[in-house]
mmCIF file of all heavy atoms, coordinates in Angstrom:
data_MODEL
# 
_entry.id   MODEL 
# 
loop_
_atom_site.group_PDB 
_atom_site.id 
_atom_site.type_symbol 
_atom_site.label_atom_id 
_atom_site.label_alt_id 
_atom_site.label_comp_id 
_atom_site.label_asym_id 
_atom_site.label_entity_id 
_atom_site.label_seq_id 
_atom_site.pdbx_PDB_ins_code 
_atom_site.Cartn_x 
_atom_site.Cartn_y 
_atom_site.Cartn_z 
_atom_site.occupancy 
_atom_site.B_iso_or_equiv 
_atom_site.pdbx_formal_charge 
_atom_site.auth_seq_id 
_atom_site.auth_comp_id 
_atom_site.auth_asym_id 
_atom_site.auth_atom_id 
_atom_site.pdbx_PDB_model_num 
ATOM 1   N N   . ILE A 1 1  ? 3.249  -22.174 -30.172 1.00 0.00 ? 1  ILE A N   1 
ATOM 2   C CA  . ILE A 1 1  ? 2.797  -20.941 -30.824 1.00 0.00 ? 1  ILE A CA  1 
ATOM 3   C C   . ILE A 1 1  ? 2.615  -19.836 -29.783 1.00 0.00 ? 1  ILE A C   1 
ATOM 4   O O   . ILE A 1 1  ? 3.034  -18.685 -29.988 1.00 0.00 ? 1  ILE A O   1 
ATOM 5   C CB  . ILE A 1 1  ? 1.484  -21.180 -31.601 1.00 0.00 ? 1  ILE A CB  1 
ATOM 6   C CG1 . ILE A 1 1  ? 1.736  -22.075 -32.824 1.00 0.00 ? 1  ILE A CG1 1 
ATOM 7   C CG2 . ILE A 1 1  ? 0.867  -19.855 -32.043 1.00 0.00 ? 1  ILE A CG2 1 
ATOM 8   C CD1 . ILE A 1 1  ? 0.477  -22.481 -33.565 1.00 0.00 ? 1  ILE A CD1 1 
ATOM 9   N N   . LEU A 1 2  ? 2.021  -20.185 -28.650 1.00 0.00 ? 2  LEU A N   1 
ATOM 10  C CA  . LEU A 1 2  ? 1.832  -19.206 -27.582 1.00 0.00 ? 2  LEU A CA  1 
ATOM 11  C C   . LEU A 1 2  ? 3.168  -18.749 -27.003 1.00 0.00 ? 2  LEU A C   1 
ATOM 12  O O   . LEU A 1 2  ? 3.353  -17.563 -26.687 1.00 0.00 ? 2  LEU A O   1 
ATOM 13  C CB  . LEU A 1 2  ? 0.950  -19.801 -26.481 1.00 0.00 ? 2  LEU A CB  1 
ATOM 14  C CG  . LEU A 1 2  ? -0.507 -20.094 -26.879 1.00 0.00 ? 2  LEU A CG  1 
ATOM 15  C CD1 . LEU A 1 2  ? -1.238 -20.808 -25.746 1.00 0.00 ? 2  LEU A CD1 1 
ATOM 16  C CD2 . LEU A 1 2  ? -1.235 -18.808 -27.259 1.00 0.00 ? 2  LEU A CD2 1 
ATOM 17  N N   . ALA A 1 3  ? 4.114  -19.690 -26.861 1.00 0.00 ? 3  ALA A N   1 
ATOM 18  C CA  . ALA A 1 3  ? 5.435  -19.337 -26.325 1.00 0.00 ? 3  ALA A CA  1 
ATOM 19  C C   . ALA A 1 3  ? 6.168  -18.382 -27.267 1.00 0.00 ? 3  ALA A C   1 
ATOM 20  O O   . ALA A 1 3  ? 6.792  -17.408 -26.818 1.00 0.00 ? 3  ALA A O   1 
ATOM 21  C CB  . ALA A 1 3  ? 6.254  -20.607 -26.108 1.00 0.00 ? 3  ALA A CB  1 
ATOM 22  N N   . LEU A 1 4  ? 6.106  -18.633 -28.565 1.00 0.00 ? 4  LEU A N   1 
ATOM 23  C CA  . LEU A 1 4  ? 6.748  -17.746 -29.539 1.00 0.00 ? 4  LEU A CA  1 
ATOM 24  C C   . LEU A 1 4  ? 6.092  -16.367 -29.528 1.00 0.00 ? 4  LEU A C   1 
ATOM 25  O O   . LEU A 1 4  ? 6.763  -15.337 -29.650 1.00 0.00 ? 4  LEU A O   1 
ATOM 26  C CB  . LEU A 1 4  ? 6.676  -18.358 -30.940 1.00 0.00 ? 4  LEU A CB  1 
ATOM 27  C CG  . LEU A 1 4  ? 7.590  -19.565 -31.204 1.00 0.00 ? 4  LEU A CG  1 
ATOM 28  C CD1 . LEU A 1 4  ? 7.293  -20.169 -32.571 1.00 0.00 ? 4  LEU A CD1 1 
ATOM 29  C CD2 . LEU A 1 4  ? 9.060  -19.161 -31.124 1.00 0.00 ? 4  LEU A CD2 1 
ATOM 30  N N   . THR A 1 5  ? 4.765  -16.355 -29.373 1.00 0.00 ? 5  THR A N   1 
ATOM 31  C CA  . THR A 1 5  ? 4.053  -15.079 -29.304 1.00 0.00 ? 5  THR A CA  1 
ATOM 32  C C   . THR A 1 5  ? 4.496  -14.285 -28.077 1.00 0.00 ? 5  THR A C   1 
ATOM 33  O O   . THR A 1 5  ? 4.733  -13.067 -28.161 1.00 0.00 ? 5  THR A O   1 
ATOM 34  C CB  . THR A 1 5  ? 2.536  -15.321 -29.251 1.00 0.00 ? 5  THR A CB  1 
ATOM 35  O OG1 . THR A 1 5  ? 2.142  -16.103 -30.392 1.00 0.00 ? 5  THR A OG1 1 
ATOM 36  C CG2 . THR A 1 5  ? 1.769  -14.007 -29.260 1.00 0.00 ? 5  THR A CG2 1 
ATOM 37  N N   . LEU A 1 6  ? 4.625  -14.959 -26.944 1.00 0.00 ? 6  LEU A N   1 
ATOM 38  C CA  . LEU A 1 6  ? 5.110  -14.303 -25.727 1.00 0.00 ? 6  LEU A CA  1 
ATOM 39  C C   . LEU A 1 6  ? 6.522  -13.754 -25.920 1.00 0.00 ? 6  LEU A C   1 
ATOM 40  O O   . LEU A 1 6  ? 6.833  -12.638 -25.481 1.00 0.00 ? 6  LEU A O   1 
ATOM 41  C CB  . LEU A 1 6  ? 5.086  -15.278 -24.551 1.00 0.00 ? 6  LEU A CB  1 
ATOM 42  C CG  . LEU A 1 6  ? 5.680  -14.761 -23.227 1.00 0.00 ? 6  LEU A CG  1 
ATOM 43  C CD1 . LEU A 1 6  ? 4.880  -13.563 -22.718 1.00 0.00 ? 6  LEU A CD1 1 
ATOM 44  C CD2 . LEU A 1 6  ? 5.721  -15.874 -22.190 1.00 0.00 ? 6  LEU A CD2 1 
ATOM 45  N N   . MET A 1 7  ? 7.368  -14.519 -26.592 1.00 0.00 ? 7  MET A N   1 
ATOM 46  C CA  . MET A 1 7  ? 8.747  -14.082 -26.815 1.00 0.00 ? 7  MET A CA  1 
ATOM 47  C C   . MET A 1 7  ? 8.801  -12.812 -27.672 1.00 0.00 ? 7  MET A C   1 
ATOM 48  O O   . MET A 1 7  ? 9.680  -11.969 -27.480 1.00 0.00 ? 7  MET A O   1 
ATOM 49  C CB  . MET A 1 7  ? 9.561  -15.190 -27.474 1.00 0.00 ? 7  MET A CB  1 
ATOM 50  C CG  . MET A 1 7  ? 10.039 -16.268 -26.512 1.00 0.00 ? 7  MET A CG  1 
ATOM 51  S SD  . MET A 1 7  ? 11.122 -15.620 -25.212 1.00 0.00 ? 7  MET A SD  1 
ATOM 52  C CE  . MET A 1 7  ? 12.507 -15.012 -26.174 1.00 0.00 ? 7  MET A CE  1 
ATOM 53  N N   . THR A 1 8  ? 7.880  -12.657 -28.606 1.00 0.00 ? 8  THR A N   1 
ATOM 54  C CA  . THR A 1 8  ? 7.868  -11.425 -29.404 1.00 0.00 ? 8  THR A CA  1 
ATOM 55  C C   . THR A 1 8  ? 7.497  -10.216 -28.538 1.00 0.00 ? 8  THR A C   1 
ATOM 56  O O   . THR A 1 8  ? 7.806  -9.086  -28.891 1.00 0.00 ? 8  THR A O   1 
ATOM 57  C CB  . THR A 1 8  ? 6.896  -11.511 -30.594 1.00 0.00 ? 8  THR A CB  1 
ATOM 58  O OG1 . THR A 1 8  ? 5.556  -11.642 -30.117 1.00 0.00 ? 8  THR A OG1 1 
ATOM 59  C CG2 . THR A 1 8  ? 7.233  -12.681 -31.498 1.00 0.00 ? 8  THR A CG2 1 
ATOM 60  N N   . TYR A 1 9  ? 6.840  -10.471 -27.417 1.00 0.00 ? 9  TYR A N   1 
ATOM 61  C CA  . TYR A 1 9  ? 6.450  -9.391  -26.507 1.00 0.00 ? 9  TYR A CA  1 
ATOM 62  C C   . TYR A 1 9  ? 7.609  -8.950  -25.619 1.00 0.00 ? 9  TYR A C   1 
ATOM 63  O O   . TYR A 1 9  ? 7.751  -7.766  -25.302 1.00 0.00 ? 9  TYR A O   1 
ATOM 64  C CB  . TYR A 1 9  ? 5.279  -9.864  -25.640 1.00 0.00 ? 9  TYR A CB  1 
ATOM 65  C CG  . TYR A 1 9  ? 4.666  -8.786  -24.768 1.00 0.00 ? 9  TYR A CG  1 
ATOM 66  C CD1 . TYR A 1 9  ? 3.801  -7.844  -25.301 1.00 0.00 ? 9  TYR A CD1 1 
ATOM 67  C CD2 . TYR A 1 9  ? 4.958  -8.725  -23.406 1.00 0.00 ? 9  TYR A CD2 1 
ATOM 68  C CE1 . TYR A 1 9  ? 3.241  -6.855  -24.506 1.00 0.00 ? 9  TYR A CE1 1 
ATOM 69  C CE2 . TYR A 1 9  ? 4.401  -7.747  -22.595 1.00 0.00 ? 9  TYR A CE2 1 
ATOM 70  C CZ  . TYR A 1 9  ? 3.544  -6.809  -23.152 1.00 0.00 ? 9  TYR A CZ  1 
ATOM 71  O OH  . TYR A 1 9  ? 2.992  -5.828  -22.358 1.00 0.00 ? 9  TYR A OH  1 
ATOM 72  N N   . ILE A 1 10 ? 8.488  -9.897  -25.237 1.00 0.00 ? 10 ILE A N   1 
ATOM 73  C CA  . ILE A 1 10 ? 9.530  -9.597  -24.248 1.00 0.00 ? 10 ILE A CA  1 
ATOM 74  C C   . ILE A 1 10 ? 10.945 -9.656  -24.804 1.00 0.00 ? 10 ILE A C   1 
ATOM 75  O O   . ILE A 1 10 ? 11.896 -9.319  -24.105 1.00 0.00 ? 10 ILE A O   1 
ATOM 76  C CB  . ILE A 1 10 ? 9.420  -10.545 -23.029 1.00 0.00 ? 10 ILE A CB  1 
ATOM 77  C CG1 . ILE A 1 10 ? 9.637  -12.011 -23.452 1.00 0.00 ? 10 ILE A CG1 1 
ATOM 78  C CG2 . ILE A 1 10 ? 8.077  -10.377 -22.335 1.00 0.00 ? 10 ILE A CG2 1 
ATOM 79  C CD1 . ILE A 1 10 ? 9.642  -12.993 -22.290 1.00 0.00 ? 10 ILE A CD1 1 
ATOM 80  N N   . GLY A 1 11 ? 11.114 -10.079 -26.062 1.00 0.00 ? 11 GLY A N   1 
ATOM 81  C CA  . GLY A 1 11 ? 12.444 -10.205 -26.639 1.00 0.00 ? 11 GLY A CA  1 
ATOM 82  C C   . GLY A 1 11 ? 12.856 -8.970  -27.420 1.00 0.00 ? 11 GLY A C   1 
ATOM 83  O O   . GLY A 1 11 ? 12.042 -8.367  -28.127 1.00 0.00 ? 11 GLY A O   1 
ATOM 84  N N   . GLN A 1 12 ? 14.119 -8.598  -27.329 1.00 0.00 ? 12 GLN A N   1 
ATOM 85  C CA  . GLN A 1 12 ? 14.593 -7.368  -27.970 1.00 0.00 ? 12 GLN A CA  1 
ATOM 86  C C   . GLN A 1 12 ? 14.524 -7.434  -29.484 1.00 0.00 ? 12 GLN A C   1 
ATOM 87  O O   . GLN A 1 12 ? 14.068 -6.499  -30.144 1.00 0.00 ? 12 GLN A O   1 
ATOM 88  C CB  . GLN A 1 12 ? 16.033 -7.078  -27.538 1.00 0.00 ? 12 GLN A CB  1 
ATOM 89  C CG  . GLN A 1 12 ? 16.602 -5.803  -28.170 1.00 0.00 ? 12 GLN A CG  1 
ATOM 90  C CD  . GLN A 1 12 ? 18.037 -5.537  -27.770 1.00 0.00 ? 12 GLN A CD  1 
ATOM 91  O OE1 . GLN A 1 12 ? 18.653 -6.329  -27.073 1.00 0.00 ? 12 GLN A OE1 1 
ATOM 92  N NE2 . GLN A 1 12 ? 18.586 -4.422  -28.229 1.00 0.00 ? 12 GLN A NE2 1 
ATOM 93  N N   . THR A 1 13 ? 14.982 -8.555  -30.068 1.00 0.00 ? 13 THR A N   1 
ATOM 94  C CA  . THR A 1 13 ? 15.063 -8.645  -31.529 1.00 0.00 ? 13 THR A CA  1 
ATOM 95  C C   . THR A 1 13 ? 13.693 -8.531  -32.178 1.00 0.00 ? 13 THR A C   1 
ATOM 96  O O   . THR A 1 13 ? 13.567 -8.012  -33.291 1.00 0.00 ? 13 THR A O   1 
ATOM 97  C CB  . THR A 1 13 ? 15.733 -9.969  -31.945 1.00 0.00 ? 13 THR A CB  1 
ATOM 98  O OG1 . THR A 1 13 ? 16.967 -10.105 -31.241 1.00 0.00 ? 13 THR A OG1 1 
ATOM 99  C CG2 . THR A 1 13 ? 16.011 -9.993  -33.435 1.00 0.00 ? 13 THR A CG2 1 
ATOM 100 N N   . ALA A 1 14 ? 12.648 -9.004  -31.477 1.00 0.00 ? 14 ALA A N   1 
ATOM 101 C CA  . ALA A 1 14 ? 11.293 -8.966  -32.034 1.00 0.00 ? 14 ALA A CA  1 
ATOM 102 C C   . ALA A 1 14 ? 10.660 -7.586  -31.937 1.00 0.00 ? 14 ALA A C   1 
ATOM 103 O O   . ALA A 1 14 ? 9.612  -7.343  -32.544 1.00 0.00 ? 14 ALA A O   1 
ATOM 104 C CB  . ALA A 1 14 ? 10.412 -9.994  -31.335 1.00 0.00 ? 14 ALA A CB  1 
ATOM 105 N N   . GLY A 1 15 ? 11.279 -6.672  -31.188 1.00 0.00 ? 15 GLY A N   1 
ATOM 106 C CA  . GLY A 1 15 ? 10.766 -5.304  -31.112 1.00 0.00 ? 15 GLY A CA  1 
ATOM 107 C C   . GLY A 1 15 ? 9.476  -5.161  -30.350 1.00 0.00 ? 15 GLY A C   1 
ATOM 108 O O   . GLY A 1 15 ? 8.681  -4.263  -30.641 1.00 0.00 ? 15 GLY A O   1 
ATOM 109 N N   . GLY A 1 16 ? 9.249  -6.034  -29.365 1.00 0.00 ? 16 GLY A N   1 
ATOM 110 C CA  . GLY A 1 16 ? 8.030  -5.959  -28.578 1.00 0.00 ? 16 GLY A CA  1 
ATOM 111 C C   . GLY A 1 16 ? 8.008  -4.788  -27.623 1.00 0.00 ? 16 GLY A C   1 
ATOM 112 O O   . GLY A 1 16 ? 9.007  -4.067  -27.466 1.00 0.00 ? 16 GLY A O   1 
ATOM 113 N N   . PRO A 1 17 ? 6.873  -4.564  -26.945 1.00 0.00 ? 17 PRO A N   1 
ATOM 114 C CA  . PRO A 1 17 ? 6.733  -3.402  -26.062 1.00 0.00 ? 17 PRO A CA  1 
ATOM 115 C C   . PRO A 1 17 ? 7.605  -3.459  -24.810 1.00 0.00 ? 17 PRO A C   1 
ATOM 116 O O   . PRO A 1 17 ? 7.894  -2.430  -24.209 1.00 0.00 ? 17 PRO A O   1 
ATOM 117 C CB  . PRO A 1 17 ? 5.241  -3.413  -25.695 1.00 0.00 ? 17 PRO A CB  1 
ATOM 118 C CG  . PRO A 1 17 ? 4.732  -4.756  -26.059 1.00 0.00 ? 17 PRO A CG  1 
ATOM 119 C CD  . PRO A 1 17 ? 5.609  -5.310  -27.103 1.00 0.00 ? 17 PRO A CD  1 
ATOM 120 N N   . ILE A 1 18 ? 7.995  -4.672  -24.394 1.00 0.00 ? 18 ILE A N   1 
ATOM 121 C CA  . ILE A 1 18 ? 8.827  -4.817  -23.186 1.00 0.00 ? 18 ILE A CA  1 
ATOM 122 C C   . ILE A 1 18 ? 10.080 -5.614  -23.541 1.00 0.00 ? 18 ILE A C   1 
ATOM 123 O O   . ILE A 1 18 ? 9.976  -6.706  -24.109 1.00 0.00 ? 18 ILE A O   1 
ATOM 124 C CB  . ILE A 1 18 ? 8.064  -5.537  -22.061 1.00 0.00 ? 18 ILE A CB  1 
ATOM 125 C CG1 . ILE A 1 18 ? 6.819  -4.749  -21.667 1.00 0.00 ? 18 ILE A CG1 1 
ATOM 126 C CG2 . ILE A 1 18 ? 8.968  -5.740  -20.841 1.00 0.00 ? 18 ILE A CG2 1 
ATOM 127 C CD1 . ILE A 1 18 ? 5.957  -5.449  -20.636 1.00 0.00 ? 18 ILE A CD1 1 
ATOM 128 N N   . THR A 1 19 ? 11.249 -5.091  -23.212 1.00 0.00 ? 19 THR A N   1 
ATOM 129 C CA  . THR A 1 19 ? 12.490 -5.813  -23.483 1.00 0.00 ? 19 THR A CA  1 
ATOM 130 C C   . THR A 1 19 ? 13.005 -6.425  -22.187 1.00 0.00 ? 19 THR A C   1 
ATOM 131 O O   . THR A 1 19 ? 13.775 -5.812  -21.443 1.00 0.00 ? 19 THR A O   1 
ATOM 132 C CB  . THR A 1 19 ? 13.564 -4.883  -24.082 1.00 0.00 ? 19 THR A CB  1 
ATOM 133 O OG1 . THR A 1 19 ? 13.052 -4.306  -25.281 1.00 0.00 ? 19 THR A OG1 1 
ATOM 134 C CG2 . THR A 1 19 ? 14.830 -5.661  -24.407 1.00 0.00 ? 19 THR A CG2 1 
ATOM 135 N N   . LEU A 1 20 ? 12.564 -7.654  -21.923 1.00 0.00 ? 20 LEU A N   1 
ATOM 136 C CA  . LEU A 1 20 ? 13.041 -8.371  -20.747 1.00 0.00 ? 20 LEU A CA  1 
ATOM 137 C C   . LEU A 1 20 ? 14.264 -9.227  -21.068 1.00 0.00 ? 20 LEU A C   1 
ATOM 138 O O   . LEU A 1 20 ? 15.075 -9.508  -20.186 1.00 0.00 ? 20 LEU A O   1 
ATOM 139 C CB  . LEU A 1 20 ? 11.924 -9.259  -20.173 1.00 0.00 ? 20 LEU A CB  1 
ATOM 140 C CG  . LEU A 1 20 ? 10.684 -8.544  -19.609 1.00 0.00 ? 20 LEU A CG  1 
ATOM 141 C CD1 . LEU A 1 20 ? 9.701  -9.559  -19.040 1.00 0.00 ? 20 LEU A CD1 1 
ATOM 142 C CD2 . LEU A 1 20 ? 11.089 -7.538  -18.541 1.00 0.00 ? 20 LEU A CD2 1 
ATOM 143 N N   . ILE A 1 21 ? 14.345 -9.647  -22.342 1.00 0.00 ? 21 ILE A N   1 
ATOM 144 C CA  . ILE A 1 21 ? 15.466 -10.508 -22.747 1.00 0.00 ? 21 ILE A CA  1 
ATOM 145 C C   . ILE A 1 21 ? 16.198 -9.815  -23.895 1.00 0.00 ? 21 ILE A C   1 
ATOM 146 O O   . ILE A 1 21 ? 15.697 -9.772  -25.018 1.00 0.00 ? 21 ILE A O   1 
ATOM 147 C CB  . ILE A 1 21 ? 14.978 -11.901 -23.192 1.00 0.00 ? 21 ILE A CB  1 
ATOM 148 C CG1 . ILE A 1 21 ? 14.054 -12.512 -22.128 1.00 0.00 ? 21 ILE A CG1 1 
ATOM 149 C CG2 . ILE A 1 21 ? 16.163 -12.826 -23.448 1.00 0.00 ? 21 ILE A CG2 1 
ATOM 150 C CD1 . ILE A 1 21 ? 13.469 -13.855 -22.519 1.00 0.00 ? 21 ILE A CD1 1 
ATOM 151 N N   . PRO A 1 22 ? 17.388 -9.270  -23.637 1.00 0.00 ? 22 PRO A N   1 
ATOM 152 C CA  . PRO A 1 22 ? 18.118 -8.550  -24.683 1.00 0.00 ? 22 PRO A CA  1 
ATOM 153 C C   . PRO A 1 22 ? 18.776 -9.509  -25.672 1.00 0.00 ? 22 PRO A C   1 
ATOM 154 O O   . PRO A 1 22 ? 18.936 -10.703 -25.408 1.00 0.00 ? 22 PRO A O   1 
ATOM 155 C CB  . PRO A 1 22 ? 19.176 -7.766  -23.892 1.00 0.00 ? 22 PRO A CB  1 
ATOM 156 C CG  . PRO A 1 22 ? 19.418 -8.608  -22.677 1.00 0.00 ? 22 PRO A CG  1 
ATOM 157 C CD  . PRO A 1 22 ? 18.100 -9.241  -22.345 1.00 0.00 ? 22 PRO A CD  1 
ATOM 158 N N   . PHE A 1 23 ? 19.176 -8.950  -26.831 1.00 0.00 ? 23 PHE A N   1 
ATOM 159 C CA  . PHE A 1 23 ? 19.965 -9.702  -27.801 1.00 0.00 ? 23 PHE A CA  1 
ATOM 160 C C   . PHE A 1 23 ? 21.387 -9.836  -27.259 1.00 0.00 ? 23 PHE A C   1 
ATOM 161 O O   . PHE A 1 23 ? 21.909 -8.894  -26.669 1.00 0.00 ? 23 PHE A O   1 
ATOM 162 C CB  . PHE A 1 23 ? 19.973 -8.962  -29.148 1.00 0.00 ? 23 PHE A CB  1 
ATOM 163 C CG  . PHE A 1 23 ? 20.822 -9.609  -30.203 1.00 0.00 ? 23 PHE A CG  1 
ATOM 164 C CD1 . PHE A 1 23 ? 20.304 -10.623 -30.982 1.00 0.00 ? 23 PHE A CD1 1 
ATOM 165 C CD2 . PHE A 1 23 ? 22.141 -9.214  -30.411 1.00 0.00 ? 23 PHE A CD2 1 
ATOM 166 C CE1 . PHE A 1 23 ? 21.085 -11.221 -31.960 1.00 0.00 ? 23 PHE A CE1 1 
ATOM 167 C CE2 . PHE A 1 23 ? 22.928 -9.811  -31.384 1.00 0.00 ? 23 PHE A CE2 1 
ATOM 168 C CZ  . PHE A 1 23 ? 22.399 -10.817 -32.156 1.00 0.00 ? 23 PHE A CZ  1 
ATOM 169 N N   . PRO A 1 24 ? 22.066 -11.004 -27.376 1.00 0.00 ? 24 PRO A N   1 
ATOM 170 C CA  . PRO A 1 24 ? 21.685 -12.212 -28.121 1.00 0.00 ? 24 PRO A CA  1 
ATOM 171 C C   . PRO A 1 24 ? 20.996 -13.278 -27.279 1.00 0.00 ? 24 PRO A C   1 
ATOM 172 O O   . PRO A 1 24 ? 20.752 -14.382 -27.756 1.00 0.00 ? 24 PRO A O   1 
ATOM 173 C CB  . PRO A 1 24 ? 23.037 -12.720 -28.623 1.00 0.00 ? 24 PRO A CB  1 
ATOM 174 C CG  . PRO A 1 24 ? 23.963 -12.387 -27.497 1.00 0.00 ? 24 PRO A CG  1 
ATOM 175 C CD  . PRO A 1 24 ? 23.480 -11.071 -26.932 1.00 0.00 ? 24 PRO A CD  1 
ATOM 176 N N   . TRP A 1 25 ? 20.691 -12.929 -25.993 1.00 0.00 ? 25 TRP A N   1 
ATOM 177 C CA  . TRP A 1 25 ? 20.112 -13.944 -25.121 1.00 0.00 ? 25 TRP A CA  1 
ATOM 178 C C   . TRP A 1 25 ? 18.719 -14.349 -25.567 1.00 0.00 ? 25 TRP A C   1 
ATOM 179 O O   . TRP A 1 25 ? 18.276 -15.478 -25.329 1.00 0.00 ? 25 TRP A O   1 
ATOM 180 C CB  . TRP A 1 25 ? 20.106 -13.433 -23.684 1.00 0.00 ? 25 TRP A CB  1 
ATOM 181 C CG  . TRP A 1 25 ? 21.490 -13.134 -23.183 1.00 0.00 ? 25 TRP A CG  1 
ATOM 182 C CD1 . TRP A 1 25 ? 22.029 -11.908 -22.913 1.00 0.00 ? 25 TRP A CD1 1 
ATOM 183 C CD2 . TRP A 1 25 ? 22.530 -14.086 -22.951 1.00 0.00 ? 25 TRP A CD2 1 
ATOM 184 N NE1 . TRP A 1 25 ? 23.338 -12.025 -22.528 1.00 0.00 ? 25 TRP A NE1 1 
ATOM 185 C CE2 . TRP A 1 25 ? 23.682 -13.361 -22.540 1.00 0.00 ? 25 TRP A CE2 1 
ATOM 186 C CE3 . TRP A 1 25 ? 22.619 -15.472 -23.056 1.00 0.00 ? 25 TRP A CE3 1 
ATOM 187 C CZ2 . TRP A 1 25 ? 24.881 -13.971 -22.225 1.00 0.00 ? 25 TRP A CZ2 1 
ATOM 188 C CZ3 . TRP A 1 25 ? 23.818 -16.092 -22.748 1.00 0.00 ? 25 TRP A CZ3 1 
ATOM 189 C CH2 . TRP A 1 25 ? 24.926 -15.351 -22.331 1.00 0.00 ? 25 TRP A CH2 1 
ATOM 190 N N   . ASP A 1 26 ? 18.005 -13.429 -26.193 1.00 0.00 ? 26 ASP A N   1 
ATOM 191 C CA  . ASP A 1 26 ? 16.679 -13.805 -26.690 1.00 0.00 ? 26 ASP A CA  1 
ATOM 192 C C   . ASP A 1 26 ? 16.783 -14.872 -27.773 1.00 0.00 ? 26 ASP A C   1 
ATOM 193 O O   . ASP A 1 26 ? 15.972 -15.800 -27.830 1.00 0.00 ? 26 ASP A O   1 
ATOM 194 C CB  . ASP A 1 26 ? 15.918 -12.581 -27.185 1.00 0.00 ? 26 ASP A CB  1 
ATOM 195 C CG  . ASP A 1 26 ? 16.632 -11.833 -28.307 1.00 0.00 ? 26 ASP A CG  1 
ATOM 196 O OD1 . ASP A 1 26 ? 17.858 -11.999 -28.459 1.00 0.00 ? 26 ASP A OD1 1 
ATOM 197 O OD2 . ASP A 1 26 ? 15.960 -11.062 -29.036 1.00 0.00 ? 26 ASP A OD2 1 
ATOM 198 N N   . MET A 1 27 ? 17.819 -14.769 -28.621 1.00 0.00 ? 27 MET A N   1 
ATOM 199 C CA  . MET A 1 27 ? 18.016 -15.786 -29.661 1.00 0.00 ? 27 MET A CA  1 
ATOM 200 C C   . MET A 1 27 ? 18.396 -17.134 -29.046 1.00 0.00 ? 27 MET A C   1 
ATOM 201 O O   . MET A 1 27 ? 18.008 -18.194 -29.543 1.00 0.00 ? 27 MET A O   1 
ATOM 202 C CB  . MET A 1 27 ? 19.091 -15.323 -30.639 1.00 0.00 ? 27 MET A CB  1 
ATOM 203 C CG  . MET A 1 27 ? 18.730 -14.080 -31.436 1.00 0.00 ? 27 MET A CG  1 
ATOM 204 S SD  . MET A 1 27 ? 17.159 -14.240 -32.315 1.00 0.00 ? 27 MET A SD  1 
ATOM 205 C CE  . MET A 1 27 ? 17.494 -15.688 -33.315 1.00 0.00 ? 27 MET A CE  1 
ATOM 206 N N   . ALA A 1 28 ? 19.162 -17.087 -27.961 1.00 0.00 ? 28 ALA A N   1 
ATOM 207 C CA  . ALA A 1 28 ? 19.527 -18.324 -27.265 1.00 0.00 ? 28 ALA A CA  1 
ATOM 208 C C   . ALA A 1 28 ? 18.278 -18.992 -26.687 1.00 0.00 ? 28 ALA A C   1 
ATOM 209 O O   . ALA A 1 28 ? 18.115 -20.224 -26.770 1.00 0.00 ? 28 ALA A O   1 
ATOM 210 C CB  . ALA A 1 28 ? 20.533 -18.025 -26.154 1.00 0.00 ? 28 ALA A CB  1 
ATOM 211 N N   . VAL A 1 29 ? 17.369 -18.191 -26.127 1.00 0.00 ? 29 VAL A N   1 
ATOM 212 C CA  . VAL A 1 29 ? 16.126 -18.732 -25.581 1.00 0.00 ? 29 VAL A CA  1 
ATOM 213 C C   . VAL A 1 29 ? 15.277 -19.364 -26.684 1.00 0.00 ? 29 VAL A C   1 
ATOM 214 O O   . VAL A 1 29 ? 14.730 -20.467 -26.519 1.00 0.00 ? 29 VAL A O   1 
ATOM 215 C CB  . VAL A 1 29 ? 15.319 -17.629 -24.850 1.00 0.00 ? 29 VAL A CB  1 
ATOM 216 C CG1 . VAL A 1 29 ? 13.926 -18.138 -24.466 1.00 0.00 ? 29 VAL A CG1 1 
ATOM 217 C CG2 . VAL A 1 29 ? 16.062 -17.162 -23.608 1.00 0.00 ? 29 VAL A CG2 1 
ATOM 218 N N   . ILE A 1 30 ? 15.159 -18.677 -27.821 1.00 0.00 ? 30 ILE A N   1 
ATOM 219 C CA  . ILE A 1 30 ? 14.389 -19.223 -28.943 1.00 0.00 ? 30 ILE A CA  1 
ATOM 220 C C   . ILE A 1 30 ? 14.994 -20.556 -29.402 1.00 0.00 ? 30 ILE A C   1 
ATOM 221 O O   . ILE A 1 30 ? 14.270 -21.520 -29.684 1.00 0.00 ? 30 ILE A O   1 
ATOM 222 C CB  . ILE A 1 30 ? 14.346 -18.222 -30.121 1.00 0.00 ? 30 ILE A CB  1 
ATOM 223 C CG1 . ILE A 1 30 ? 13.531 -16.985 -29.757 1.00 0.00 ? 30 ILE A CG1 1 
ATOM 224 C CG2 . ILE A 1 30 ? 13.789 -18.873 -31.385 1.00 0.00 ? 30 ILE A CG2 1 
ATOM 225 C CD1 . ILE A 1 30 ? 12.049 -17.251 -29.553 1.00 0.00 ? 30 ILE A CD1 1 
# 
């Protein structure tokens, strides 16, 4: 749960404040 929450912060698709992992790589990480 904590890992998914962190991913929403740094993943592009989730629209978080920081985009460290762009699409589609964020989906690959998930």
